[in-house]
Amino acid sequence: MSTFEPGLCSVTFRGLPIGAIVELAEKAGLAAIEWAGDAHVPPDEITIARKAGNLCGQAGLATSYGSYVAPPTDDISAFLRALDSAVALGAANIRIWPGTRGRDSEEYGADERRAAADSIREMGAEAARHGISVSLEYHPQSLTDTTQSACRLIDAISHDNVYLYWQPRPGLPLEEALAEVAEVGPHVSHVHVFAWDADRNRLPLAAAADYWRTVLAAMPPSRWSERRFAMLEFVANDDPAAFLEDAATLREILAG
């Protein structure tokens, strides 16, 4: 079983200030926070990034930066602004979106896919100069919306500093989830964890504990060699109490 530590995506609590999110993560016994670039730590807001990083350091929490840079729609200049915030945050990893957000991978022609791969490769190389890895969101309506497209993209990028995230589509059957991680697992850095049904209703993570235990146990060895985080993303009713329950469930899953 690949070893994951529990974390939190700050986008789970858009309405809470940075300090409150750090306190929640610390109370929940988590190991890391991925800070949202469209909510808590915007690109170019270096003072805010440093504040979040300092608070996390005091609480013993590692950091990742969840940017919404979407190459090739967003170019290297947009990435550099996000990278500046990631550096100020002290983040070891920056997440980006592959392709134009809200666009299915099947709509891309060969030239567009090549442009996306070239752009991401450039971003991976630039981040490497700062000791920061780049990971691609694994999400519907992106160039990683199918396992086949994700594998094609990561092969085209062909850069050892660019990795994949993994998360299930809402309602994804266990058998299909296992097939996906078997394919993309060798490139996976971190995962986003939630319990949604096919209609995107949010459930307690305990309702999907066996699902996640099975998937994480089946995750194959990865070329990723640093700390790995399974990060909670969204909870029922955006409720901090529900989050604390889900965090306890996640810790139990990862412990056994």
C-alpha atoms as a PDB file:
ATOM      1  CA  MET A   1       0.000   0.000   0.000  1.00  0.00           C
ATOM      2  CA  SER A   2       1.275   3.462  -0.869  1.00  0.00           C
ATOM      3  CA  THR A   3       1.663   5.588   2.230  1.00  0.00           C
ATOM      4  CA  PHE A   4      -0.528   8.686   2.245  1.00  0.00           C
ATOM      5  CA  GLU A   5      -0.834  11.273   5.001  1.00  0.00           C
ATOM      6  CA  PRO A   6      -4.139  13.095   5.662  1.00  0.00           C
ATOM      7  CA  GLY A   7      -4.616  16.617   4.366  1.00  0.00           C
ATOM      8  CA  LEU A   8      -7.214  19.256   3.523  1.00  0.00           C
ATOM      9  CA  CYS A   9      -7.984  21.368   0.459  1.00  0.00           C
ATOM     10  CA  SER A  10      -8.736  24.854   1.753  1.00  0.00           C
ATOM     11  CA  VAL A  11     -11.367  25.323  -0.963  1.00  0.00           C
ATOM     12  CA  THR A  12     -13.524  23.103   1.261  1.00  0.00           C
ATOM     13  CA  PHE A  13     -14.107  26.197   3.391  1.00  0.00           C
ATOM     14  CA  ARG A  14     -14.137  29.169   1.039  1.00  0.00           C
ATOM     15  CA  GLY A  15     -15.834  31.390   3.593  1.00  0.00           C
ATOM     16  CA  LEU A  16     -13.375  30.810   6.430  1.00  0.00           C
ATOM     17  CA  PRO A  17     -10.241  32.886   6.989  1.00  0.00           C
ATOM     18  CA  ILE A  18      -6.794  31.364   6.758  1.00  0.00           C
ATOM     19  CA  GLY A  19      -6.262  31.181  10.511  1.00  0.00           C
ATOM     20  CA  ALA A  20      -9.509  29.322  11.107  1.00  0.00           C
ATOM     21  CA  ILE A  21      -8.638  26.746   8.440  1.00  0.00           C
ATOM     22  CA  VAL A  22      -5.230  26.129   9.991  1.00  0.00           C
ATOM     23  CA  GLU A  23      -6.876  25.674  13.391  1.00  0.00           C
ATOM     24  CA  LEU A  24      -9.370  23.184  11.945  1.00  0.00           C
ATOM     25  CA  ALA A  25      -6.653  21.173  10.219  1.00  0.00           C
ATOM     26  CA  GLU A  26      -4.571  21.106  13.375  1.00  0.00           C
ATOM     27  CA  LYS A  27      -7.563  20.079  15.497  1.00  0.00           C
ATOM     28  CA  ALA A  28      -8.368  17.312  13.002  1.00  0.00           C
ATOM     29  CA  GLY A  29      -4.863  15.868  13.245  1.00  0.00           C
ATOM     30  CA  LEU A  30      -4.039  16.468   9.592  1.00  0.00           C
ATOM     31  CA  ALA A  31      -0.584  16.768   8.060  1.00  0.00           C
ATOM     32  CA  ALA A  32      -1.031  19.275   5.226  1.00  0.00           C
ATOM     33  CA  ILE A  33      -3.190  21.936   3.602  1.00  0.00           C
ATOM     34  CA  GLU A  34      -3.520  22.616  -0.116  1.00  0.00           C
ATOM     35  CA  TRP A  35      -4.268  26.340  -0.376  1.00  0.00           C
ATOM     36  CA  ALA A  36      -6.745  27.463  -3.026  1.00  0.00           C
ATOM     37  CA  GLY A  37      -5.429  30.049  -5.447  1.00  0.00           C
ATOM     38  CA  ASP A  38      -8.936  31.309  -6.204  1.00  0.00           C
ATOM     39  CA  ALA A  39      -9.938  31.779  -2.584  1.00  0.00           C
ATOM     40  CA  HIS A  40      -7.351  32.027   0.196  1.00  0.00           C
ATOM     41  CA  VAL A  41      -3.951  32.553  -1.432  1.00  0.00           C
ATOM     42  CA  PRO A  42      -4.365  34.394  -4.749  1.00  0.00           C
ATOM     43  CA  PRO A  43      -1.491  34.661  -7.243  1.00  0.00           C
ATOM     44  CA  ASP A  44       0.733  37.700  -6.643  1.00  0.00           C
ATOM     45  CA  GLU A  45      -0.535  38.120  -3.068  1.00  0.00           C
ATOM     46  CA  ILE A  46       2.839  37.341  -1.563  1.00  0.00           C
ATOM     47  CA  THR A  47       2.075  38.721   1.890  1.00  0.00           C
ATOM     48  CA  ILE A  48      -0.986  36.484   2.175  1.00  0.00           C
ATOM     49  CA  ALA A  49       0.991  33.465   0.977  1.00  0.00           C
ATOM     50  CA  ARG A  50       3.681  34.077   3.564  1.00  0.00           C
ATOM     51  CA  LYS A  51       1.074  34.421   6.301  1.00  0.00           C
ATOM     52  CA  ALA A  52      -0.521  31.090   5.362  1.00  0.00           C
ATOM     53  CA  GLY A  53       2.876  29.431   5.148  1.00  0.00           C
ATOM     54  CA  ASN A  54       3.989  30.789   8.515  1.00  0.00           C
ATOM     55  CA  LEU A  55       0.786  29.681  10.237  1.00  0.00           C
ATOM     56  CA  CYS A  56       1.131  26.224   8.726  1.00  0.00           C
ATOM     57  CA  GLY A  57       4.763  26.040   9.801  1.00  0.00           C
ATOM     58  CA  GLN A  58       3.828  26.905  13.378  1.00  0.00           C
ATOM     59  CA  ALA A  59       1.171  24.177  13.311  1.00  0.00           C
ATOM     60  CA  GLY A  60       3.473  21.586  11.769  1.00  0.00           C
ATOM     61  CA  LEU A  61       1.478  21.431   8.527  1.00  0.00           C
ATOM     62  CA  ALA A  62       3.019  20.910   5.097  1.00  0.00           C
ATOM     63  CA  THR A  63       1.667  23.006   2.220  1.00  0.00           C
ATOM     64  CA  SER A  64       0.664  22.579  -1.398  1.00  0.00           C
ATOM     65  CA  TYR A  65      -0.647  25.274  -3.730  1.00  0.00           C
ATOM     66  CA  GLY A  66      -3.901  24.664  -5.592  1.00  0.00           C
ATOM     67  CA  SER A  67      -3.621  27.008  -8.548  1.00  0.00           C
ATOM     68  CA  TYR A  68      -6.211  27.358 -11.278  1.00  0.00           C
ATOM     69  CA  VAL A  69      -3.693  27.962 -14.034  1.00  0.00           C
ATOM     70  CA  ALA A  70      -5.027  26.098 -17.083  1.00  0.00           C
ATOM     71  CA  PRO A  71      -2.476  25.732 -19.885  1.00  0.00           C
ATOM     72  CA  PRO A  72      -2.445  26.411 -22.759  1.00  0.00           C
ATOM     73  CA  THR A  73      -5.273  28.909 -22.133  1.00  0.00           C
ATOM     74  CA  ASP A  74      -3.043  30.351 -19.405  1.00  0.00           C
ATOM     75  CA  ASP A  75       0.543  30.917 -20.488  1.00  0.00           C
ATOM     76  CA  ILE A  76       3.842  30.838 -18.626  1.00  0.00           C
ATOM     77  CA  SER A  77       3.347  34.365 -17.273  1.00  0.00           C
ATOM     78  CA  ALA A  78       0.179  33.281 -15.466  1.00  0.00           C
ATOM     79  CA  PHE A  79       2.009  30.263 -14.101  1.00  0.00           C
ATOM     80  CA  LEU A  80       4.908  32.385 -12.850  1.00  0.00           C
ATOM     81  CA  ARG A  81       2.517  34.531 -10.824  1.00  0.00           C
ATOM     82  CA  ALA A  82       1.081  31.397  -9.221  1.00  0.00           C
ATOM     83  CA  LEU A  83       4.573  30.014  -8.723  1.00  0.00           C
ATOM     84  CA  ASP A  84       5.606  33.162  -6.838  1.00  0.00           C
ATOM     85  CA  SER A  85       2.769  32.532  -4.388  1.00  0.00           C
ATOM     86  CA  ALA A  86       3.718  28.864  -4.082  1.00  0.00           C
ATOM     87  CA  VAL A  87       7.306  29.840  -3.257  1.00  0.00           C
ATOM     88  CA  ALA A  88       6.170  32.385  -0.652  1.00  0.00           C
ATOM     89  CA  LEU A  89       3.832  29.771   0.809  1.00  0.00           C
ATOM     90  CA  GLY A  90       6.674  27.289   1.129  1.00  0.00           C
ATOM     91  CA  ALA A  91       4.700  24.785  -0.928  1.00  0.00           C
ATOM     92  CA  ALA A  92       6.393  21.640  -2.192  1.00  0.00           C
ATOM     93  CA  ASN A  93       3.837  21.164  -4.982  1.00  0.00           C
ATOM     94  CA  ILE A  94       1.656  23.279  -7.247  1.00  0.00           C
ATOM     95  CA  ARG A  95      -1.490  21.959  -8.880  1.00  0.00           C
ATOM     96  CA  ILE A  96      -2.564  23.123 -12.332  1.00  0.00           C
ATOM     97  CA  TRP A  97      -5.463  22.313 -14.656  1.00  0.00           C
ATOM     98  CA  PRO A  98      -4.564  20.638 -17.951  1.00  0.00           C
ATOM     99  CA  GLY A  99      -6.386  22.277 -20.853  1.00  0.00           C
ATOM    100  CA  THR A 100      -9.187  24.801 -20.888  1.00  0.00           C
ATOM    101  CA  ARG A 101     -11.437  24.381 -17.877  1.00  0.00           C
ATOM    102  CA  GLY A 102     -14.893  23.102 -18.737  1.00  0.00           C
ATOM    103  CA  ARG A 103     -13.831  21.492 -22.021  1.00  0.00           C
ATOM    104  CA  ASP A 104     -13.929  17.731 -22.678  1.00  0.00           C
ATOM    105  CA  SER A 105     -10.686  16.097 -23.761  1.00  0.00           C
ATOM    106  CA  GLU A 106     -12.349  14.563 -26.826  1.00  0.00           C
ATOM    107  CA  GLU A 107     -12.832  18.066 -28.254  1.00  0.00           C
ATOM    108  CA  TYR A 108      -9.088  18.675 -28.624  1.00  0.00           C
ATOM    109  CA  GLY A 109      -7.238  18.211 -31.873  1.00  0.00           C
ATOM    110  CA  ALA A 110      -3.649  16.989 -32.108  1.00  0.00           C
ATOM    111  CA  ASP A 111      -2.186  20.502 -32.359  1.00  0.00           C
ATOM    112  CA  GLU A 112      -4.098  21.686 -29.283  1.00  0.00           C
ATOM    113  CA  ARG A 113      -2.985  18.691 -27.251  1.00  0.00           C
ATOM    114  CA  ARG A 114       0.603  19.311 -28.335  1.00  0.00           C
ATOM    115  CA  ALA A 115       0.353  22.973 -27.294  1.00  0.00           C
ATOM    116  CA  ALA A 116      -0.950  21.967 -23.873  1.00  0.00           C
ATOM    117  CA  ALA A 117       1.822  19.419 -23.378  1.00  0.00           C
ATOM    118  CA  ASP A 118       4.496  21.907 -24.441  1.00  0.00           C
ATOM    119  CA  SER A 119       3.139  24.562 -22.097  1.00  0.00           C
ATOM    120  CA  ILE A 120       2.939  22.193 -19.126  1.00  0.00           C
ATOM    121  CA  ARG A 121       6.460  20.921 -19.803  1.00  0.00           C
ATOM    122  CA  GLU A 122       7.737  24.508 -19.657  1.00  0.00           C
ATOM    123  CA  MET A 123       5.894  25.049 -16.366  1.00  0.00           C
ATOM    124  CA  GLY A 124       7.319  21.855 -14.914  1.00  0.00           C
ATOM    125  CA  ALA A 125      10.834  22.928 -15.819  1.00  0.00           C
ATOM    126  CA  GLU A 126      10.373  26.391 -14.300  1.00  0.00           C
ATOM    127  CA  ALA A 127       8.925  24.972 -11.059  1.00  0.00           C
ATOM    128  CA  ALA A 128      11.818  22.522 -10.805  1.00  0.00           C
ATOM    129  CA  ARG A 129      14.224  25.470 -10.542  1.00  0.00           C
ATOM    130  CA  HIS A 130      12.500  26.312  -7.256  1.00  0.00           C
ATOM    131  CA  GLY A 131      12.334  22.730  -5.978  1.00  0.00           C
ATOM    132  CA  ILE A 132       8.567  22.612  -6.509  1.00  0.00           C
ATOM    133  CA  SER A 133       6.743  19.816  -8.318  1.00  0.00           C
ATOM    134  CA  VAL A 134       3.824  20.287 -10.712  1.00  0.00           C
ATOM    135  CA  SER A 135       0.766  18.032 -10.524  1.00  0.00           C
ATOM    136  CA  LEU A 136      -2.164  17.955 -12.918  1.00  0.00           C
ATOM    137  CA  GLU A 137      -5.722  18.001 -11.662  1.00  0.00           C
ATOM    138  CA  TYR A 138      -7.541  14.774 -12.592  1.00  0.00           C
ATOM    139  CA  HIS A 139     -10.998  16.080 -13.307  1.00  0.00           C
ATOM    140  CA  PRO A 140     -14.014  15.928 -15.640  1.00  0.00           C
ATOM    141  CA  GLN A 141     -13.908  18.387 -18.537  1.00  0.00           C
ATOM    142  CA  SER A 142     -10.138  18.640 -18.700  1.00  0.00           C
ATOM    143  CA  LEU A 143      -7.372  16.843 -20.565  1.00  0.00           C
ATOM    144  CA  THR A 144      -7.351  14.334 -17.701  1.00  0.00           C
ATOM    145  CA  ASP A 145     -11.060  13.523 -17.828  1.00  0.00           C
ATOM    146  CA  THR A 146     -10.372   9.953 -18.968  1.00  0.00           C
ATOM    147  CA  THR A 147      -7.577   7.577 -18.070  1.00  0.00           C
ATOM    148  CA  GLN A 148      -6.565   7.267 -21.712  1.00  0.00           C
ATOM    149  CA  SER A 149      -6.343  11.035 -22.217  1.00  0.00           C
ATOM    150  CA  ALA A 150      -4.433  11.506 -18.953  1.00  0.00           C
ATOM    151  CA  CYS A 151      -1.859   8.863 -19.893  1.00  0.00           C
ATOM    152  CA  ARG A 152      -1.464  10.313 -23.387  1.00  0.00           C
ATOM    153  CA  LEU A 153      -0.901  13.751 -21.920  1.00  0.00           C
ATOM    154  CA  ILE A 154       1.632  12.724 -19.296  1.00  0.00           C
ATOM    155  CA  ASP A 155       3.535  10.753 -21.951  1.00  0.00           C
ATOM    156  CA  ALA A 156       3.524  13.772 -24.288  1.00  0.00           C
ATOM    157  CA  ILE A 157       4.751  16.087 -21.532  1.00  0.00           C
ATOM    158  CA  SER A 158       7.538  13.644 -20.704  1.00  0.00           C
ATOM    159  CA  HIS A 159       8.988  15.648 -17.824  1.00  0.00           C
ATOM    160  CA  ASP A 160      10.103  14.097 -14.554  1.00  0.00           C
ATOM    161  CA  ASN A 161       8.788  17.054 -12.534  1.00  0.00           C
ATOM    162  CA  VAL A 162       5.182  16.745 -13.766  1.00  0.00           C
ATOM    163  CA  TYR A 163       2.797  14.314 -12.064  1.00  0.00           C
ATOM    164  CA  LEU A 164      -0.910  13.499 -11.855  1.00  0.00           C
ATOM    165  CA  TYR A 165      -3.431  13.787  -9.078  1.00  0.00           C
ATOM    166  CA  TRP A 166      -6.251  11.270  -8.869  1.00  0.00           C
ATOM    167  CA  GLN A 167      -9.828  11.555  -7.703  1.00  0.00           C
ATOM    168  CA  PRO A 168     -12.961   9.618  -8.675  1.00  0.00           C
ATOM    169  CA  ARG A 169     -15.695  11.106 -10.772  1.00  0.00           C
ATOM    170  CA  PRO A 170     -18.804  11.400  -8.588  1.00  0.00           C
ATOM    171  CA  GLY A 171     -20.440   7.986  -8.386  1.00  0.00           C
ATOM    172  CA  LEU A 172     -17.534   6.160 -10.076  1.00  0.00           C
ATOM    173  CA  PRO A 173     -17.968   2.416  -9.389  1.00  0.00           C
ATOM    174  CA  LEU A 174     -15.202   0.755  -7.421  1.00  0.00           C
ATOM    175  CA  GLU A 175     -14.212  -1.558 -10.278  1.00  0.00           C
ATOM    176  CA  GLU A 176     -13.669   1.420 -12.576  1.00  0.00           C
ATOM    177  CA  ALA A 177     -11.771   3.312  -9.891  1.00  0.00           C
ATOM    178  CA  LEU A 178      -9.420   0.365  -9.461  1.00  0.00           C
ATOM    179  CA  ALA A 179      -8.878   0.182 -13.215  1.00  0.00           C
ATOM    180  CA  GLU A 180      -8.056   3.915 -13.300  1.00  0.00           C
ATOM    181  CA  VAL A 181      -5.504   3.841 -10.492  1.00  0.00           C
ATOM    182  CA  ALA A 182      -3.864   0.779 -12.016  1.00  0.00           C
ATOM    183  CA  GLU A 183      -3.227   2.848 -15.169  1.00  0.00           C
ATOM    184  CA  VAL A 184      -2.372   6.275 -13.800  1.00  0.00           C
ATOM    185  CA  GLY A 185      -0.995   5.238 -10.402  1.00  0.00           C
ATOM    186  CA  PRO A 186       2.671   5.197 -11.484  1.00  0.00           C
ATOM    187  CA  HIS A 187       2.388   8.958 -12.098  1.00  0.00           C
ATOM    188  CA  VAL A 188       0.252   9.924  -9.075  1.00  0.00           C
ATOM    189  CA  SER A 189       1.577  12.324  -6.466  1.00  0.00           C
ATOM    190  CA  HIS A 190      -1.469  13.139  -4.315  1.00  0.00           C
ATOM    191  CA  VAL A 191      -5.191  12.355  -4.232  1.00  0.00           C
ATOM    192  CA  HIS A 192      -8.319  14.354  -3.454  1.00  0.00           C
ATOM    193  CA  VAL A 193     -10.734  12.514  -1.184  1.00  0.00           C
ATOM    194  CA  PHE A 194     -14.505  12.968  -0.948  1.00  0.00           C
ATOM    195  CA  ALA A 195     -17.716  10.946  -0.818  1.00  0.00           C
ATOM    196  CA  TRP A 196     -20.220  12.021  -3.472  1.00  0.00           C
ATOM    197  CA  ASP A 197     -22.876  10.005  -5.204  1.00  0.00           C
ATOM    198  CA  ALA A 198     -23.549  10.187  -8.955  1.00  0.00           C
ATOM    199  CA  ASP A 199     -25.872  13.157  -8.400  1.00  0.00           C
ATOM    200  CA  ARG A 200     -23.097  14.999  -6.544  1.00  0.00           C
ATOM    201  CA  ASN A 201     -24.808  14.711  -3.184  1.00  0.00           C
ATOM    202  CA  ARG A 202     -22.203  14.939  -0.442  1.00  0.00           C
ATOM    203  CA  LEU A 203     -22.096  12.024   1.988  1.00  0.00           C
ATOM    204  CA  PRO A 204     -20.132  11.376   5.161  1.00  0.00           C
ATOM    205  CA  LEU A 205     -16.771   9.886   4.274  1.00  0.00           C
ATOM    206  CA  ALA A 206     -17.648   6.950   6.517  1.00  0.00           C
ATOM    207  CA  ALA A 207     -20.180   5.908   3.844  1.00  0.00           C
ATOM    208  CA  ALA A 208     -17.287   5.413   1.421  1.00  0.00           C
ATOM    209  CA  ALA A 209     -14.637   4.201   3.863  1.00  0.00           C
ATOM    210  CA  ASP A 210     -14.386   0.716   2.344  1.00  0.00           C
ATOM    211  CA  TYR A 211     -14.217   2.247  -1.156  1.00  0.00           C
ATOM    212  CA  TRP A 212     -11.311   4.500  -0.285  1.00  0.00           C
ATOM    213  CA  ARG A 213      -9.540   1.842   1.761  1.00  0.00           C
ATOM    214  CA  THR A 214      -9.647  -0.491  -1.231  1.00  0.00           C
ATOM    215  CA  VAL A 215      -8.571   2.128  -3.767  1.00  0.00           C
ATOM    216  CA  LEU A 216      -5.651   3.441  -1.737  1.00  0.00           C
ATOM    217  CA  ALA A 217      -4.466  -0.079  -0.945  1.00  0.00           C
ATOM    218  CA  ALA A 218      -4.509  -0.841  -4.675  1.00  0.00           C
ATOM    219  CA  MET A 219      -2.511   2.243  -5.663  1.00  0.00           C
ATOM    220  CA  PRO A 220       0.594   0.930  -7.463  1.00  0.00           C
ATOM    221  CA  PRO A 221       4.135   2.172  -6.796  1.00  0.00           C
ATOM    222  CA  SER A 222       4.684   5.664  -8.182  1.00  0.00           C
ATOM    223  CA  ARG A 223       7.713   7.520  -9.532  1.00  0.00           C
ATOM    224  CA  TRP A 224       6.702  10.145  -6.951  1.00  0.00           C
ATOM    225  CA  SER A 225       9.147   9.809  -4.029  1.00  0.00           C
ATOM    226  CA  GLU A 226       8.183  12.636  -1.635  1.00  0.00           C
ATOM    227  CA  ARG A 227       5.506  12.851   1.058  1.00  0.00           C
ATOM    228  CA  ARG A 228       2.068  11.963  -0.308  1.00  0.00           C
ATOM    229  CA  PHE A 229      -1.211  13.415   0.864  1.00  0.00           C
ATOM    230  CA  ALA A 230      -4.792  12.241   0.644  1.00  0.00           C
ATOM    231  CA  MET A 231      -6.560  15.585   0.892  1.00  0.00           C
ATOM    232  CA  LEU A 232     -10.164  15.998   1.942  1.00  0.00           C
ATOM    233  CA  GLU A 233     -12.054  18.160  -0.529  1.00  0.00           C
ATOM    234  CA  PHE A 234     -15.591  19.284   0.360  1.00  0.00           C
ATOM    235  CA  VAL A 235     -17.789  17.937   3.130  1.00  0.00           C
ATOM    236  CA  ALA A 236     -21.528  17.702   3.727  1.00  0.00           C
ATOM    237  CA  ASN A 237     -23.138  21.128   4.074  1.00  0.00           C
ATOM    238  CA  ASP A 238     -19.689  22.789   4.263  1.00  0.00           C
ATOM    239  CA  ASP A 239     -19.927  22.011   7.970  1.00  0.00           C
ATOM    240  CA  PRO A 240     -16.763  22.075  10.120  1.00  0.00           C
ATOM    241  CA  ALA A 241     -18.289  19.406  12.368  1.00  0.00           C
ATOM    242  CA  ALA A 242     -18.789  17.141   9.348  1.00  0.00           C
ATOM    243  CA  PHE A 243     -15.199  17.851   8.342  1.00  0.00           C
ATOM    244  CA  LEU A 244     -13.879  16.764  11.731  1.00  0.00           C
ATOM    245  CA  GLU A 245     -15.833  13.511  11.434  1.00  0.00           C
ATOM    246  CA  ASP A 246     -14.531  12.949   7.900  1.00  0.00           C
ATOM    247  CA  ALA A 247     -10.981  13.707   9.012  1.00  0.00           C
ATOM    248  CA  ALA A 248     -11.255  11.094  11.757  1.00  0.00           C
ATOM    249  CA  THR A 249     -12.514   8.593   9.169  1.00  0.00           C
ATOM    250  CA  LEU A 250      -9.672   9.465   6.810  1.00  0.00           C
ATOM    251  CA  ARG A 251      -7.082   8.968   9.528  1.00  0.00           C
ATOM    252  CA  GLU A 252      -8.576   5.546  10.283  1.00  0.00           C
ATOM    253  CA  ILE A 253      -8.495   4.602   6.588  1.00  0.00           C
ATOM    254  CA  LEU A 254      -4.861   5.632   6.213  1.00  0.00           C
ATOM    255  CA  ALA A 255      -3.835   3.945   9.452  1.00  0.00           C
ATOM    256  CA  GLY A 256      -5.055   0.544   8.419  1.00  0.00           C
END
